[in-house]
Amino acid sequence: MLPSSSNSQQPAAVIQTYEGHPTYSCSKCSAVISLQDELISKAFSGRDGRGFLMQSAVNVKLGRREERSLLTGVHTVADVFCVGCNDRLGWYYHKAADPSQKYKKKAMLSFVSLVILALSAIVATAAPTPEAGKLEARQSCPDVQVFFARGTTEVGTLGIVVGPSFSSALNVQLVGKNVRFTGIDYPAQISGFLAGGDAGGARTMANSVTSTANSCPNTKIVISGYSQGAQVTHLAARQLSSAIQNRVVAVVTFGDPFERTALPGVLQSRRKTFCNFGDLICKGQSIILPPHLTYGSDATAAATFVGARV
């Protein structure tokens, strides 16, 4: 459906891509106007040239409604403008007087000129090829990618006890390298901890690691977690193939309930676990004492461990 709008001249933020889908875009500012799947017919002509009848559109606004005499009769229409650059794209059918033209109601007629660069309103954009997508992904690959899972009930995706300080310490330790520190988005509820770690969070971490390993062949990957996040890290490690495990250069856990549980394959030899004296969580008990809340002070040591492996 077309959004209602005014004839304001103030440009707006626009959608400029629909990943994996061919689109029609504004030739002036590249704002996406419609998916090519929304095309009804190309068999139209308007006063500005050849026209495309579309089922729906985005990034557009409507001008004043008016009666207009067109080639097929009198219609109630409104001009359609791009919200990104205010360029006129075509018009929108509110009402068709001739019953035979009723199918045009609530469809947009946008048009292109034979002189595409000079007069076109929309241009077709093909969906990206898999090769182009891989190239773009590799160009955005960091030198080091850290996936971190926060502890139970912590806010955000990094939490507050370990995540922020570990991220900062890594940026200091690995100065000059592009370090991406990503928090795993998972519920971090008490029920997850009692179950031995949130299964969905583990899948998310494992899938993220696998995706990065496949699309970024030169990126050094680190997985890490605090408290329940350490449980999630263990569970995720078990889901990685041996080939993907080889891409993980370091595993760092803090306040780890699975301190005494070995990681699979090569990951055990690449592991560093921080467990404070008096932290009963590390002993498999569900009691949080002050030693469990001070692992932020280990951030520098953890970053040093990672730095030696990247």
C-alpha atoms as a PDB file:
ATOM      1  CA  MET A   1       0.000   0.000   0.000  1.00  0.00           C
ATOM      2  CA  LEU A   2       1.121   3.543  -0.680  1.00  0.00           C
ATOM      3  CA  PRO A   3       1.676   5.685   2.415  1.00  0.00           C
ATOM      4  CA  SER A   4      -0.329   8.861   2.811  1.00  0.00           C
ATOM      5  CA  SER A   5       1.775  11.995   2.810  1.00  0.00           C
ATOM      6  CA  SER A   6       1.999  15.632   1.969  1.00  0.00           C
ATOM      7  CA  ASN A   7       3.777  17.478  -0.781  1.00  0.00           C
ATOM      8  CA  SER A   8       6.568  18.541   1.587  1.00  0.00           C
ATOM      9  CA  GLN A   9       9.923  19.351   0.062  1.00  0.00           C
ATOM     10  CA  GLN A  10      11.862  18.006   3.038  1.00  0.00           C
ATOM     11  CA  PRO A  11      13.828  14.850   2.053  1.00  0.00           C
ATOM     12  CA  ALA A  12      13.562  11.845   4.346  1.00  0.00           C
ATOM     13  CA  ALA A  13      15.546   8.746   5.226  1.00  0.00           C
ATOM     14  CA  VAL A  14      14.768   5.958   2.781  1.00  0.00           C
ATOM     15  CA  ILE A  15      15.171   2.228   2.246  1.00  0.00           C
ATOM     16  CA  GLN A  16      17.917   1.684  -0.314  1.00  0.00           C
ATOM     17  CA  THR A  17      18.099  -2.105  -0.525  1.00  0.00           C
ATOM     18  CA  TYR A  18      16.040  -5.260  -0.172  1.00  0.00           C
ATOM     19  CA  GLU A  19      18.695  -7.936   0.179  1.00  0.00           C
ATOM     20  CA  GLY A  20      18.349 -10.679  -2.408  1.00  0.00           C
ATOM     21  CA  HIS A  21      15.433  -9.068  -4.290  1.00  0.00           C
ATOM     22  CA  PRO A  22      15.440  -7.242  -7.651  1.00  0.00           C
ATOM     23  CA  THR A  23      13.877  -3.803  -7.300  1.00  0.00           C
ATOM     24  CA  TYR A  24      12.862  -0.617  -9.083  1.00  0.00           C
ATOM     25  CA  SER A  25      14.608   2.429  -7.611  1.00  0.00           C
ATOM     26  CA  CYS A  26      14.462   6.181  -7.984  1.00  0.00           C
ATOM     27  CA  SER A  27      17.008   7.134 -10.661  1.00  0.00           C
ATOM     28  CA  LYS A  28      17.831  10.361  -8.844  1.00  0.00           C
ATOM     29  CA  CYS A  29      18.528   9.202  -5.272  1.00  0.00           C
ATOM     30  CA  SER A  30      18.468   5.357  -5.510  1.00  0.00           C
ATOM     31  CA  ALA A  31      15.637   4.963  -2.991  1.00  0.00           C
ATOM     32  CA  VAL A  32      13.848   1.655  -3.538  1.00  0.00           C
ATOM     33  CA  ILE A  33      10.382   2.287  -4.983  1.00  0.00           C
ATOM     34  CA  SER A  34       9.074  -1.250  -5.428  1.00  0.00           C
ATOM     35  CA  LEU A  35      10.056  -4.883  -5.715  1.00  0.00           C
ATOM     36  CA  GLN A  36       9.990  -6.101  -9.308  1.00  0.00           C
ATOM     37  CA  ASP A  37       7.586  -8.800  -8.093  1.00  0.00           C
ATOM     38  CA  GLU A  38       5.013  -6.000  -7.610  1.00  0.00           C
ATOM     39  CA  LEU A  39       4.905  -5.250 -11.347  1.00  0.00           C
ATOM     40  CA  ILE A  40       1.436  -5.731 -12.851  1.00  0.00           C
ATOM     41  CA  SER A  41       2.046  -4.579 -16.413  1.00  0.00           C
ATOM     42  CA  LYS A  42       4.509  -2.720 -18.620  1.00  0.00           C
ATOM     43  CA  ALA A  43       1.921  -2.078 -21.329  1.00  0.00           C
ATOM     44  CA  PHE A  44       1.227   1.542 -20.420  1.00  0.00           C
ATOM     45  CA  SER A  45       2.138   4.960 -21.760  1.00  0.00           C
ATOM     46  CA  GLY A  46       1.941   8.275 -19.952  1.00  0.00           C
ATOM     47  CA  ARG A  47       2.690  11.856 -20.819  1.00  0.00           C
ATOM     48  CA  ASP A  48       6.255  11.260 -19.637  1.00  0.00           C
ATOM     49  CA  GLY A  49       6.840   8.079 -21.605  1.00  0.00           C
ATOM     50  CA  ARG A  50       6.462   4.363 -21.100  1.00  0.00           C
ATOM     51  CA  GLY A  51       4.759   3.339 -17.861  1.00  0.00           C
ATOM     52  CA  PHE A  52       4.851   0.496 -15.363  1.00  0.00           C
ATOM     53  CA  LEU A  53       1.692  -0.350 -13.412  1.00  0.00           C
ATOM     54  CA  MET A  54       2.675  -1.446  -9.882  1.00  0.00           C
ATOM     55  CA  GLN A  55       0.689  -3.208  -7.177  1.00  0.00           C
ATOM     56  CA  SER A  56       2.389  -1.301  -4.331  1.00  0.00           C
ATOM     57  CA  ALA A  57       5.316   0.951  -3.565  1.00  0.00           C
ATOM     58  CA  VAL A  58       7.496   2.245  -0.715  1.00  0.00           C
ATOM     59  CA  ASN A  59       9.479   5.434  -0.097  1.00  0.00           C
ATOM     60  CA  VAL A  60       6.790   7.499  -1.804  1.00  0.00           C
ATOM     61  CA  LYS A  61       4.318  10.244  -0.856  1.00  0.00           C
ATOM     62  CA  LEU A  62       1.174  11.496  -2.538  1.00  0.00           C
ATOM     63  CA  GLY A  63       0.381  14.910  -3.920  1.00  0.00           C
ATOM     64  CA  ARG A  64      -3.028  16.570  -4.157  1.00  0.00           C
ATOM     65  CA  ARG A  65      -5.949  14.414  -5.325  1.00  0.00           C
ATOM     66  CA  GLU A  66      -7.501  15.665  -8.566  1.00  0.00           C
ATOM     67  CA  GLU A  67      -9.634  14.669 -11.535  1.00  0.00           C
ATOM     68  CA  ARG A  68      -7.404  14.093 -14.533  1.00  0.00           C
ATOM     69  CA  SER A  69      -8.191  13.248 -18.151  1.00  0.00           C
ATOM     70  CA  LEU A  70      -5.878  10.422 -19.195  1.00  0.00           C
ATOM     71  CA  LEU A  71      -5.637   8.330 -22.355  1.00  0.00           C
ATOM     72  CA  THR A  72      -8.137   5.831 -20.936  1.00  0.00           C
ATOM     73  CA  GLY A  73     -10.620   8.391 -19.619  1.00  0.00           C
ATOM     74  CA  VAL A  74     -11.163  10.549 -16.542  1.00  0.00           C
ATOM     75  CA  HIS A  75      -9.580   9.283 -13.330  1.00  0.00           C
ATOM     76  CA  THR A  76      -9.174  10.545  -9.783  1.00  0.00           C
ATOM     77  CA  VAL A  77      -5.424  10.454  -9.239  1.00  0.00           C
ATOM     78  CA  ALA A  78      -2.607  12.005  -7.247  1.00  0.00           C
ATOM     79  CA  ASP A  79       0.981  12.517  -8.282  1.00  0.00           C
ATOM     80  CA  VAL A  80       3.525  10.282  -6.565  1.00  0.00           C
ATOM     81  CA  PHE A  81       6.809  11.737  -5.296  1.00  0.00           C
ATOM     82  CA  CYS A  82       9.978  10.101  -3.965  1.00  0.00           C
ATOM     83  CA  VAL A  83      10.410  10.807  -0.242  1.00  0.00           C
ATOM     84  CA  GLY A  84      14.170  10.794  -0.656  1.00  0.00           C
ATOM     85  CA  CYS A  85      14.573  13.528  -3.256  1.00  0.00           C
ATOM     86  CA  ASN A  86      11.000  14.804  -3.942  1.00  0.00           C
ATOM     87  CA  ASP A  87      11.271  13.811  -7.612  1.00  0.00           C
ATOM     88  CA  ARG A  88       7.951  13.056  -9.311  1.00  0.00           C
ATOM     89  CA  LEU A  89       7.685   9.348 -10.116  1.00  0.00           C
ATOM     90  CA  GLY A  90       4.199   8.884 -11.511  1.00  0.00           C
ATOM     91  CA  TRP A  91       0.696   8.861 -10.183  1.00  0.00           C
ATOM     92  CA  TYR A  92      -1.643   6.924  -7.931  1.00  0.00           C
ATOM     93  CA  TYR A  93      -5.162   5.850  -8.893  1.00  0.00           C
ATOM     94  CA  HIS A  94      -7.834   6.746  -6.334  1.00  0.00           C
ATOM     95  CA  LYS A  95     -10.812   6.198  -8.627  1.00  0.00           C
ATOM     96  CA  ALA A  96     -11.458   5.207 -12.222  1.00  0.00           C
ATOM     97  CA  ALA A  97     -14.649   6.600 -13.813  1.00  0.00           C
ATOM     98  CA  ASP A  98     -14.793   3.952 -16.531  1.00  0.00           C
ATOM     99  CA  PRO A  99     -15.789   0.549 -15.023  1.00  0.00           C
ATOM    100  CA  SER A 100     -13.385  -1.205 -17.404  1.00  0.00           C
ATOM    101  CA  GLN A 101     -10.509   0.680 -15.741  1.00  0.00           C
ATOM    102  CA  LYS A 102     -11.400  -0.207 -12.130  1.00  0.00           C
ATOM    103  CA  TYR A 103      -8.441  -2.598 -11.837  1.00  0.00           C
ATOM    104  CA  LYS A 104      -6.174   0.447 -11.769  1.00  0.00           C
ATOM    105  CA  LYS A 105      -7.563   1.646  -8.468  1.00  0.00           C
ATOM    106  CA  LYS A 106      -4.928   1.684  -5.753  1.00  0.00           C
ATOM    107  CA  ALA A 107      -2.150   0.827  -8.195  1.00  0.00           C
ATOM    108  CA  MET A 108       0.670   3.160  -9.077  1.00  0.00           C
ATOM    109  CA  LEU A 109       1.674   4.074 -12.609  1.00  0.00           C
ATOM    110  CA  SER A 110       5.334   5.020 -12.614  1.00  0.00           C
ATOM    111  CA  PHE A 111       7.263   5.630 -15.749  1.00  0.00           C
ATOM    112  CA  VAL A 112      10.665   5.599 -17.403  1.00  0.00           C
ATOM    113  CA  SER A 113      11.933   7.458 -20.423  1.00  0.00           C
ATOM    114  CA  LEU A 114      13.829   6.047 -23.364  1.00  0.00           C
ATOM    115  CA  VAL A 115      16.606   8.427 -22.357  1.00  0.00           C
ATOM    116  CA  ILE A 116      17.245   6.644 -19.096  1.00  0.00           C
ATOM    117  CA  LEU A 117      20.003   8.730 -17.584  1.00  0.00           C
ATOM    118  CA  ALA A 118      18.375  12.071 -18.402  1.00  0.00           C
ATOM    119  CA  LEU A 119      14.648  11.517 -17.892  1.00  0.00           C
ATOM    120  CA  SER A 120      13.950   8.240 -16.128  1.00  0.00           C
ATOM    121  CA  ALA A 121      12.018   8.128 -12.884  1.00  0.00           C
ATOM    122  CA  ILE A 122      12.851   4.578 -11.913  1.00  0.00           C
ATOM    123  CA  VAL A 123      15.596   2.142 -12.775  1.00  0.00           C
ATOM    124  CA  ALA A 124      15.684  -1.637 -12.417  1.00  0.00           C
ATOM    125  CA  THR A 125      18.221  -3.126 -10.041  1.00  0.00           C
ATOM    126  CA  ALA A 126      19.072  -6.813 -10.204  1.00  0.00           C
ATOM    127  CA  ALA A 127      19.421  -8.943  -7.104  1.00  0.00           C
ATOM    128  CA  PRO A 128      23.077  -9.321  -6.065  1.00  0.00           C
ATOM    129  CA  THR A 129      24.816 -12.472  -7.271  1.00  0.00           C
ATOM    130  CA  PRO A 130      26.169 -14.914  -4.678  1.00  0.00           C
ATOM    131  CA  GLU A 131      29.687 -14.017  -5.773  1.00  0.00           C
ATOM    132  CA  ALA A 132      29.045 -10.307  -5.225  1.00  0.00           C
ATOM    133  CA  GLY A 133      27.539 -11.032  -1.824  1.00  0.00           C
ATOM    134  CA  LYS A 134      30.581 -13.045  -0.786  1.00  0.00           C
ATOM    135  CA  LEU A 135      32.933 -10.305  -1.943  1.00  0.00           C
ATOM    136  CA  GLU A 136      30.985  -7.656  -0.022  1.00  0.00           C
ATOM    137  CA  ALA A 137      30.977  -9.846   3.091  1.00  0.00           C
ATOM    138  CA  ARG A 138      34.733 -10.397   2.917  1.00  0.00           C
ATOM    139  CA  GLN A 139      35.373  -6.701   2.474  1.00  0.00           C
ATOM    140  CA  SER A 140      33.586  -6.092   5.799  1.00  0.00           C
ATOM    141  CA  CYS A 141      35.384  -8.868   7.705  1.00  0.00           C
ATOM    142  CA  PRO A 142      37.207  -7.815  10.887  1.00  0.00           C
ATOM    143  CA  ASP A 143      40.690  -8.986  11.842  1.00  0.00           C
ATOM    144  CA  VAL A 144      39.301 -10.419  15.070  1.00  0.00           C
ATOM    145  CA  GLN A 145      35.703 -11.405  15.789  1.00  0.00           C
ATOM    146  CA  VAL A 146      34.667 -12.054  19.397  1.00  0.00           C
ATOM    147  CA  PHE A 147      31.300 -13.611  20.228  1.00  0.00           C
ATOM    148  CA  PHE A 148      30.415 -13.038  23.880  1.00  0.00           C
ATOM    149  CA  ALA A 149      27.475 -14.316  25.956  1.00  0.00           C
ATOM    150  CA  ARG A 150      26.530 -12.335  29.080  1.00  0.00           C
ATOM    151  CA  GLY A 151      25.481 -13.714  32.464  1.00  0.00           C
ATOM    152  CA  THR A 152      22.020 -14.447  33.831  1.00  0.00           C
ATOM    153  CA  THR A 153      19.667 -11.423  34.084  1.00  0.00           C
ATOM    154  CA  GLU A 154      22.320  -9.008  32.766  1.00  0.00           C
ATOM    155  CA  VAL A 155      21.026  -6.211  30.550  1.00  0.00           C
ATOM    156  CA  GLY A 156      21.770  -5.648  26.887  1.00  0.00           C
ATOM    157  CA  THR A 157      23.805  -8.217  24.973  1.00  0.00           C
ATOM    158  CA  LEU A 158      27.161  -7.552  26.668  1.00  0.00           C
ATOM    159  CA  GLY A 159      25.955  -7.281  30.266  1.00  0.00           C
ATOM    160  CA  ILE A 160      27.842  -5.167  32.800  1.00  0.00           C
ATOM    161  CA  VAL A 161      30.158  -7.442  34.811  1.00  0.00           C
ATOM    162  CA  VAL A 162      32.569  -8.635  32.103  1.00  0.00           C
ATOM    163  CA  GLY A 163      31.498  -7.760  28.577  1.00  0.00           C
ATOM    164  CA  PRO A 164      32.242  -4.017  28.375  1.00  0.00           C
ATOM    165  CA  SER A 165      35.587  -4.222  30.213  1.00  0.00           C
ATOM    166  CA  PHE A 166      36.713  -7.248  28.164  1.00  0.00           C
ATOM    167  CA  SER A 167      35.810  -5.440  24.943  1.00  0.00           C
ATOM    168  CA  SER A 168      37.752  -2.334  25.980  1.00  0.00           C
ATOM    169  CA  ALA A 169      40.778  -4.370  27.068  1.00  0.00           C
ATOM    170  CA  LEU A 170      40.865  -6.157  23.723  1.00  0.00           C
ATOM    171  CA  ASN A 171      40.858  -2.869  21.828  1.00  0.00           C
ATOM    172  CA  VAL A 172      43.862  -1.761  23.878  1.00  0.00           C
ATOM    173  CA  GLN A 173      45.655  -5.089  23.541  1.00  0.00           C
ATOM    174  CA  LEU A 174      45.005  -5.364  19.800  1.00  0.00           C
ATOM    175  CA  VAL A 175      45.539  -1.746  18.842  1.00  0.00           C
ATOM    176  CA  GLY A 176      45.860  -1.400  15.075  1.00  0.00           C
ATOM    177  CA  LYS A 177      43.572  -4.372  14.410  1.00  0.00           C
ATOM    178  CA  ASN A 178      39.906  -4.253  13.516  1.00  0.00           C
ATOM    179  CA  VAL A 179      38.211  -5.973  16.475  1.00  0.00           C
ATOM    180  CA  ARG A 180      34.481  -6.711  16.384  1.00  0.00           C
ATOM    181  CA  PHE A 181      32.990  -7.625  19.763  1.00  0.00           C
ATOM    182  CA  THR A 182      29.472  -9.041  19.373  1.00  0.00           C
ATOM    183  CA  GLY A 183      27.121  -9.864  22.215  1.00  0.00           C
ATOM    184  CA  ILE A 184      24.922 -12.915  21.705  1.00  0.00           C
ATOM    185  CA  ASP A 185      21.253 -11.980  21.865  1.00  0.00           C
ATOM    186  CA  TYR A 186      19.555 -14.515  24.135  1.00  0.00           C
ATOM    187  CA  PRO A 187      17.125 -14.318  27.106  1.00  0.00           C
ATOM    188  CA  ALA A 188      19.702 -14.997  29.899  1.00  0.00           C
ATOM    189  CA  GLN A 189      16.932 -16.065  32.260  1.00  0.00           C
ATOM    190  CA  ILE A 190      17.380 -18.026  35.489  1.00  0.00           C
ATOM    191  CA  SER A 191      15.577 -21.005  33.940  1.00  0.00           C
ATOM    192  CA  GLY A 192      18.271 -21.159  31.276  1.00  0.00           C
ATOM    193  CA  PHE A 193      21.024 -21.279  33.884  1.00  0.00           C
ATOM    194  CA  LEU A 194      19.256 -24.030  35.830  1.00  0.00           C
ATOM    195  CA  ALA A 195      18.890 -26.015  32.588  1.00  0.00           C
ATOM    196  CA  GLY A 196      22.637 -25.871  32.002  1.00  0.00           C
ATOM    197  CA  GLY A 197      22.597 -22.964  29.584  1.00  0.00           C
ATOM    198  CA  ASP A 198      20.130 -21.457  27.127  1.00  0.00           C
ATOM    199  CA  ALA A 199      19.880 -23.758  24.081  1.00  0.00           C
ATOM    200  CA  GLY A 200      18.723 -20.985  21.771  1.00  0.00           C
ATOM    201  CA  GLY A 201      21.642 -18.778  22.763  1.00  0.00           C
ATOM    202  CA  ALA A 202      24.033 -21.651  22.065  1.00  0.00           C
ATOM    203  CA  ARG A 203      22.557 -22.150  18.601  1.00  0.00           C
ATOM    204  CA  THR A 204      22.881 -18.455  17.917  1.00  0.00           C
ATOM    205  CA  MET A 205      26.535 -18.452  18.922  1.00  0.00           C
ATOM    206  CA  ALA A 206      27.329 -21.613  16.958  1.00  0.00           C
ATOM    207  CA  ASN A 207      25.563 -20.306  13.861  1.00  0.00           C
ATOM    208  CA  SER A 208      27.321 -16.947  14.156  1.00  0.00           C
ATOM    209  CA  VAL A 209      30.719 -18.616  14.441  1.00  0.00           C
ATOM    210  CA  THR A 210      30.022 -20.895  11.482  1.00  0.00           C
ATOM    211  CA  SER A 211      28.775 -18.034   9.321  1.00  0.00           C
ATOM    212  CA  THR A 212      31.827 -15.915  10.110  1.00  0.00           C
ATOM    213  CA  ALA A 213      34.213 -18.806   9.500  1.00  0.00           C
ATOM    214  CA  ASN A 214      32.660 -19.460   6.090  1.00  0.00           C
ATOM    215  CA  SER A 215      32.470 -15.848   4.916  1.00  0.00           C
ATOM    216  CA  CYS A 216      35.652 -14.453   6.488  1.00  0.00           C
ATOM    217  CA  PRO A 217      38.528 -16.882   5.844  1.00  0.00           C
ATOM    218  CA  ASN A 218      41.184 -14.632   7.418  1.00  0.00           C
ATOM    219  CA  THR A 219      39.293 -13.555  10.529  1.00  0.00           C
ATOM    220  CA  LYS A 220      40.467 -14.839  13.902  1.00  0.00           C
ATOM    221  CA  ILE A 221      37.432 -16.014  15.895  1.00  0.00           C
ATOM    222  CA  VAL A 222      37.099 -15.946  19.698  1.00  0.00           C
ATOM    223  CA  ILE A 223      34.163 -17.281  21.742  1.00  0.00           C
ATOM    224  CA  SER A 224      33.585 -16.211  25.316  1.00  0.00           C
ATOM    225  CA  GLY A 225      31.002 -16.082  28.061  1.00  0.00           C
ATOM    226  CA  TYR A 226      30.369 -15.195  31.674  1.00  0.00           C
ATOM    227  CA  SER A 227      28.339 -17.331  34.109  1.00  0.00           C
ATOM    228  CA  GLN A 228      25.371 -18.679  32.110  1.00  0.00           C
ATOM    229  CA  GLY A 229      27.145 -17.202  29.098  1.00  0.00           C
ATOM    230  CA  ALA A 230      29.989 -19.643  29.811  1.00  0.00           C
ATOM    231  CA  GLN A 231      27.448 -22.468  29.719  1.00  0.00           C
ATOM    232  CA  VAL A 232      26.213 -21.134  26.385  1.00  0.00           C
ATOM    233  CA  THR A 233      29.795 -21.063  25.118  1.00  0.00           C
ATOM    234  CA  HIS A 234      30.329 -24.730  26.053  1.00  0.00           C
ATOM    235  CA  LEU A 235      27.065 -25.765  24.391  1.00  0.00           C
ATOM    236  CA  ALA A 236      27.902 -23.789  21.251  1.00  0.00           C
ATOM    237  CA  ALA A 237      31.376 -25.354  21.050  1.00  0.00           C
ATOM    238  CA  ARG A 238      29.802 -28.816  20.949  1.00  0.00           C
ATOM    239  CA  GLN A 239      27.771 -27.813  17.893  1.00  0.00           C
ATOM    240  CA  LEU A 240      30.773 -26.773  15.821  1.00  0.00           C
ATOM    241  CA  SER A 241      32.261 -29.103  13.245  1.00  0.00           C
ATOM    242  CA  SER A 242      35.939 -29.966  13.629  1.00  0.00           C
ATOM    243  CA  ALA A 243      36.745 -27.705  10.673  1.00  0.00           C
ATOM    244  CA  ILE A 244      34.975 -24.741  12.299  1.00  0.00           C
ATOM    245  CA  GLN A 245      36.575 -25.524  15.681  1.00  0.00           C
ATOM    246  CA  ASN A 246      39.938 -25.089  13.991  1.00  0.00           C
ATOM    247  CA  ARG A 247      38.947 -21.532  13.070  1.00  0.00           C
ATOM    248  CA  VAL A 248      38.380 -20.598  16.733  1.00  0.00           C
ATOM    249  CA  VAL A 249      41.706 -19.372  18.123  1.00  0.00           C
ATOM    250  CA  ALA A 250      40.635 -18.823  21.734  1.00  0.00           C
ATOM    251  CA  VAL A 251      37.857 -19.694  24.183  1.00  0.00           C
ATOM    252  CA  VAL A 252      37.606 -17.510  27.296  1.00  0.00           C
ATOM    253  CA  THR A 253      35.111 -18.117  30.089  1.00  0.00           C
ATOM    254  CA  PHE A 254      34.505 -16.316  33.378  1.00  0.00           C
ATOM    255  CA  GLY A 255      32.723 -17.718  36.438  1.00  0.00           C
ATOM    256  CA  ASP A 256      32.247 -20.931  34.473  1.00  0.00           C
ATOM    257  CA  PRO A 257      29.741 -23.476  35.911  1.00  0.00           C
ATOM    258  CA  PHE A 258      31.384 -26.020  33.558  1.00  0.00           C
ATOM    259  CA  GLU A 259      34.913 -25.282  34.764  1.00  0.00           C
ATOM    260  CA  ARG A 260      35.682 -28.985  35.074  1.00  0.00           C
ATOM    261  CA  THR A 261      34.098 -29.947  31.738  1.00  0.00           C
ATOM    262  CA  ALA A 262      36.473 -30.225  28.799  1.00  0.00           C
ATOM    263  CA  LEU A 263      35.743 -28.463  25.536  1.00  0.00           C
ATOM    264  CA  PRO A 264      35.561 -30.587  22.377  1.00  0.00           C
ATOM    265  CA  GLY A 265      38.476 -31.190  20.028  1.00  0.00           C
ATOM    266  CA  VAL A 266      41.218 -28.593  19.725  1.00  0.00           C
ATOM    267  CA  LEU A 267      39.243 -26.026  21.715  1.00  0.00           C
ATOM    268  CA  GLN A 268      40.311 -27.428  25.097  1.00  0.00           C
ATOM    269  CA  SER A 269      43.933 -26.536  24.335  1.00  0.00           C
ATOM    270  CA  ARG A 270      42.858 -23.012  23.352  1.00  0.00           C
ATOM    271  CA  ARG A 271      40.861 -22.378  26.512  1.00  0.00           C
ATOM    272  CA  LYS A 272      41.320 -19.907  29.356  1.00  0.00           C
ATOM    273  CA  THR A 273      38.911 -20.046  32.308  1.00  0.00           C
ATOM    274  CA  PHE A 274      38.766 -17.501  35.119  1.00  0.00           C
ATOM    275  CA  CYS A 275      37.200 -18.825  38.329  1.00  0.00           C
ATOM    276  CA  ASN A 276      37.713 -16.901  41.575  1.00  0.00           C
ATOM    277  CA  PHE A 277      38.345 -18.519  44.920  1.00  0.00           C
ATOM    278  CA  GLY A 278      35.036 -18.691  46.747  1.00  0.00           C
ATOM    279  CA  ASP A 279      32.888 -18.544  43.595  1.00  0.00           C
ATOM    280  CA  LEU A 280      30.382 -21.334  44.168  1.00  0.00           C
ATOM    281  CA  ILE A 281      28.987 -20.993  40.652  1.00  0.00           C
ATOM    282  CA  CYS A 282      32.265 -22.476  39.412  1.00  0.00           C
ATOM    283  CA  LYS A 283      31.629 -25.419  41.762  1.00  0.00           C
ATOM    284  CA  GLY A 284      28.297 -26.158  40.126  1.00  0.00           C
ATOM    285  CA  GLN A 285      26.192 -24.582  42.874  1.00  0.00           C
ATOM    286  CA  SER A 286      23.417 -22.035  42.293  1.00  0.00           C
ATOM    287  CA  ILE A 287      24.621 -19.552  44.901  1.00  0.00           C
ATOM    288  CA  ILE A 288      25.963 -16.150  43.868  1.00  0.00           C
ATOM    289  CA  LEU A 289      28.549 -14.697  46.242  1.00  0.00           C
ATOM    290  CA  PRO A 290      30.696 -11.539  45.808  1.00  0.00           C
ATOM    291  CA  PRO A 291      33.591 -13.420  44.094  1.00  0.00           C
ATOM    292  CA  HIS A 292      31.246 -14.166  41.179  1.00  0.00           C
ATOM    293  CA  LEU A 293      30.737 -10.467  40.500  1.00  0.00           C
ATOM    294  CA  THR A 294      34.344  -9.269  40.137  1.00  0.00           C
ATOM    295  CA  TYR A 295      35.496 -10.813  36.867  1.00  0.00           C
ATOM    296  CA  GLY A 296      35.736  -7.438  35.191  1.00  0.00           C
ATOM    297  CA  SER A 297      39.122  -7.171  36.911  1.00  0.00           C
ATOM    298  CA  ASP A 298      40.326 -10.114  34.765  1.00  0.00           C
ATOM    299  CA  ALA A 299      39.611  -8.345  31.489  1.00  0.00           C
ATOM    300  CA  THR A 300      43.229  -7.346  30.875  1.00  0.00           C
ATOM    301  CA  ALA A 301      44.544 -10.858  31.549  1.00  0.00           C
ATOM    302  CA  ALA A 302      41.881 -12.289  29.237  1.00  0.00           C
ATOM    303  CA  ALA A 303      42.783  -9.806  26.508  1.00  0.00           C
ATOM    304  CA  THR A 304      46.456 -10.702  26.861  1.00  0.00           C
ATOM    305  CA  PHE A 305      45.588 -14.390  26.420  1.00  0.00           C
ATOM    306  CA  VAL A 306      43.650 -13.609  23.247  1.00  0.00           C
ATOM    307  CA  GLY A 307      46.330 -11.252  21.956  1.00  0.00           C
ATOM    308  CA  ALA A 308      48.925 -14.010  22.063  1.00  0.00           C
ATOM    309  CA  ARG A 309      46.769 -16.107  19.744  1.00  0.00           C
ATOM    310  CA  VAL A 310      45.780 -13.652  17.061  1.00  0.00           C
END
